[in-house]
Amino acid sequence: MSIKPGEIVPNFSLEATSNRTITQSDLTQQYTVLYFYPKDSTPGCTTEGLDFTQLHPEFKQLNCQIFGVSMDSIKRHENFKAKQNFSFDLISDPDALLCTLFGTYQLKKNFGKEYMGIVRSTFLINPKGELIKEWRNVKVKEHAQQVLQNLKQHCN
């Protein structure tokens, strides 16, 4: 059962890069983009992170923070963030707690094989901690720009 637009994000606590622990209360007082991606250091995930980094100053101007989420370890996240020079933190969700909460951990098919994994998805949360917009089965190209445009509409 995943969170739906209009609902408040429930309590959680997960490790993130920069020696941070991110909880539900970190998703209040400002807008938040939570983007879920399958795996660190893969081409699509790298491109998506770089796109959000490039637009990060514009998101910040609109009082919006960004977090990337995958099931990779903190060590992998730290390496990925440093190598790509991401301007935001990555949340480690090794047990798929947040992924399950947002319904992004699903059965996937690739080359005829079935496995559980993260379906690339993005969520926009308002300063009250309420989910206001979701993008599922995201295509990376121009996605960060789409999220920014949607945020601008909410801020006006």
Protein backbone atom coordinates (compact mmCIF):
# COMPACT_ATOMS: atom_id res chain seq x y z
CA MET A 1 0.00 0.00 0.00
CA SER A 2 1.83 3.11 -1.15
CA ILE A 3 1.34 6.75 -0.24
CA LYS A 4 -1.04 8.68 -2.49
CA PRO A 5 -1.10 12.37 -3.47
CA GLY A 6 -2.72 14.40 -0.69
CA GLU A 7 -1.35 12.13 2.06
CA ILE A 8 1.34 13.07 4.58
CA VAL A 9 4.57 11.06 4.34
CA PRO A 10 4.67 8.68 7.34
CA ASN A 11 7.57 8.51 9.80
CA PHE A 12 10.80 6.88 8.66
CA SER A 13 14.50 7.16 9.49
CA LEU A 14 17.26 6.27 7.03
CA GLU A 15 20.97 6.93 6.62
CA ALA A 16 22.09 9.36 3.94
CA THR A 17 25.36 10.72 2.60
CA SER A 18 27.19 13.51 4.49
CA ASN A 19 26.70 11.53 7.75
CA ARG A 20 23.03 12.46 7.83
CA THR A 21 19.98 10.59 9.05
CA ILE A 22 16.90 11.64 7.12
CA THR A 23 13.50 11.38 8.82
CA GLN A 24 9.97 12.43 7.97
CA SER A 25 10.53 15.76 9.75
CA ASP A 26 13.35 16.58 7.28
CA LEU A 27 10.67 16.63 4.57
CA THR A 28 8.86 19.60 6.12
CA GLN A 29 9.44 23.39 6.15
CA GLN A 30 10.34 23.33 2.44
CA TYR A 31 9.49 21.51 -0.76
CA THR A 32 11.24 18.17 -1.29
CA VAL A 33 11.98 16.17 -4.41
CA LEU A 34 12.51 12.48 -3.63
CA TYR A 35 13.68 10.64 -6.71
CA PHE A 36 14.06 6.87 -6.64
CA TYR A 37 16.54 5.25 -9.00
CA PRO A 38 17.67 1.64 -9.53
CA LYS A 39 21.45 1.64 -9.00
CA ASP A 40 24.44 3.89 -8.36
CA SER A 41 26.96 4.45 -11.17
CA THR A 42 24.76 3.19 -14.01
CA PRO A 43 24.28 5.38 -17.11
CA GLY A 44 20.62 6.41 -16.62
CA CYS A 45 21.02 6.97 -12.88
CA THR A 46 24.17 9.04 -13.43
CA THR A 47 22.43 11.20 -16.05
CA GLU A 48 19.41 11.72 -13.80
CA GLY A 49 21.60 12.77 -10.86
CA LEU A 50 23.62 15.14 -13.03
CA ASP A 51 20.41 16.70 -14.42
CA PHE A 52 19.10 17.35 -10.89
CA THR A 53 22.52 18.73 -9.87
CA GLN A 54 22.56 21.11 -12.85
CA LEU A 55 19.11 22.46 -11.90
CA HIS A 56 19.72 22.35 -8.12
CA PRO A 57 20.29 26.14 -7.79
CA GLU A 58 16.85 26.76 -9.35
CA PHE A 59 15.23 24.22 -7.01
CA LYS A 60 16.93 25.90 -4.02
CA GLN A 61 15.63 29.32 -5.11
CA LEU A 62 12.13 27.84 -4.85
CA ASN A 63 12.83 26.54 -1.31
CA CYS A 64 13.16 22.94 -2.50
CA GLN A 65 15.61 20.26 -1.40
CA ILE A 66 16.45 17.14 -3.44
CA PHE A 67 17.24 13.60 -2.28
CA GLY A 68 18.11 10.62 -4.45
CA VAL A 69 17.04 7.22 -3.07
CA SER A 70 18.25 3.73 -3.96
CA MET A 71 18.99 0.48 -2.14
CA ASP A 72 22.75 0.92 -2.50
CA SER A 73 24.93 1.13 0.63
CA ILE A 74 26.07 4.42 2.15
CA LYS A 75 29.63 3.61 1.00
CA ARG A 76 28.48 3.22 -2.62
CA HIS A 77 26.37 6.37 -2.31
CA GLU A 78 29.31 8.40 -0.95
CA ASN A 79 31.52 7.21 -3.84
CA PHE A 80 28.81 7.90 -6.45
CA LYS A 81 28.04 11.35 -5.03
CA ALA A 82 31.73 12.32 -4.85
CA LYS A 83 32.60 10.98 -8.31
CA GLN A 84 29.65 12.78 -9.96
CA ASN A 85 29.88 15.86 -7.73
CA PHE A 86 26.17 15.73 -6.87
CA SER A 87 25.00 18.81 -4.97
CA PHE A 88 22.47 16.95 -2.80
CA ASP A 89 22.43 13.90 -0.54
CA LEU A 90 21.57 10.31 -1.41
CA ILE A 91 19.44 8.21 0.94
CA SER A 92 20.38 4.55 1.45
CA ASP A 93 17.33 2.28 1.63
CA PRO A 94 18.86 -1.24 1.79
CA ASP A 95 15.67 -2.85 3.16
CA ALA A 96 13.38 -1.01 0.71
CA LEU A 97 11.46 0.71 3.55
CA LEU A 98 11.03 4.03 1.75
CA CYS A 99 10.75 2.25 -1.61
CA THR A 100 7.85 0.19 -0.27
CA LEU A 101 6.22 3.25 1.30
CA PHE A 102 6.24 4.98 -2.11
CA GLY A 103 5.46 1.82 -4.09
CA THR A 104 8.67 1.93 -6.15
CA TYR A 105 9.97 -1.55 -5.20
CA GLN A 106 8.31 -3.79 -7.76
CA LEU A 107 8.67 -6.90 -9.85
CA LYS A 108 10.67 -5.99 -12.95
CA LYS A 109 11.45 -7.88 -16.14
CA ASN A 110 14.69 -7.60 -18.05
CA PHE A 111 15.79 -9.92 -20.87
CA GLY A 112 13.13 -12.43 -19.82
CA LYS A 113 14.26 -12.54 -16.18
CA GLU A 114 12.02 -11.40 -13.35
CA TYR A 115 13.43 -9.75 -10.23
CA MET A 116 12.50 -7.21 -7.57
CA GLY A 117 13.93 -3.75 -8.03
CA ILE A 118 13.30 -0.02 -7.98
CA VAL A 119 11.09 1.43 -10.69
CA ARG A 120 12.45 4.90 -11.48
CA SER A 121 9.98 7.33 -9.87
CA THR A 122 9.95 10.88 -8.49
CA PHE A 123 7.79 12.50 -5.82
CA LEU A 124 7.21 16.15 -4.94
CA ILE A 125 6.38 16.87 -1.29
CA ASN A 126 5.11 20.23 -0.02
CA PRO A 127 6.41 22.03 3.13
CA LYS A 128 3.68 20.33 5.22
CA GLY A 129 5.17 16.92 4.34
CA GLU A 130 2.29 16.09 2.00
CA LEU A 131 2.78 14.29 -1.32
CA ILE A 132 1.55 16.65 -4.04
CA LYS A 133 2.82 15.10 -7.30
CA GLU A 134 4.20 11.77 -8.47
CA TRP A 135 5.95 10.61 -11.61
CA ARG A 136 6.17 6.85 -12.13
CA ASN A 137 8.14 4.80 -14.69
CA VAL A 138 10.22 7.90 -15.36
CA LYS A 139 12.22 8.39 -18.54
CA VAL A 140 15.40 10.29 -17.61
CA LYS A 141 15.53 12.67 -20.58
CA GLU A 142 14.30 16.13 -19.50
CA HIS A 143 12.69 14.67 -16.36
CA ALA A 144 14.46 17.00 -13.87
CA GLN A 145 13.26 19.96 -15.98
CA GLN A 146 9.66 18.63 -15.84
CA VAL A 147 9.86 18.37 -12.04
CA LEU A 148 11.21 21.93 -11.82
CA GLN A 149 8.40 23.26 -14.05
CA ASN A 150 5.81 21.52 -11.87
CA LEU A 151 7.40 22.95 -8.70
CA LYS A 152 7.24 26.47 -10.19
CA GLN A 153 3.49 26.01 -10.74
CA HIS A 154 3.02 25.05 -7.07
CA CYS A 155 5.08 28.04 -5.89
CA ASN A 156 3.09 30.62 -7.87
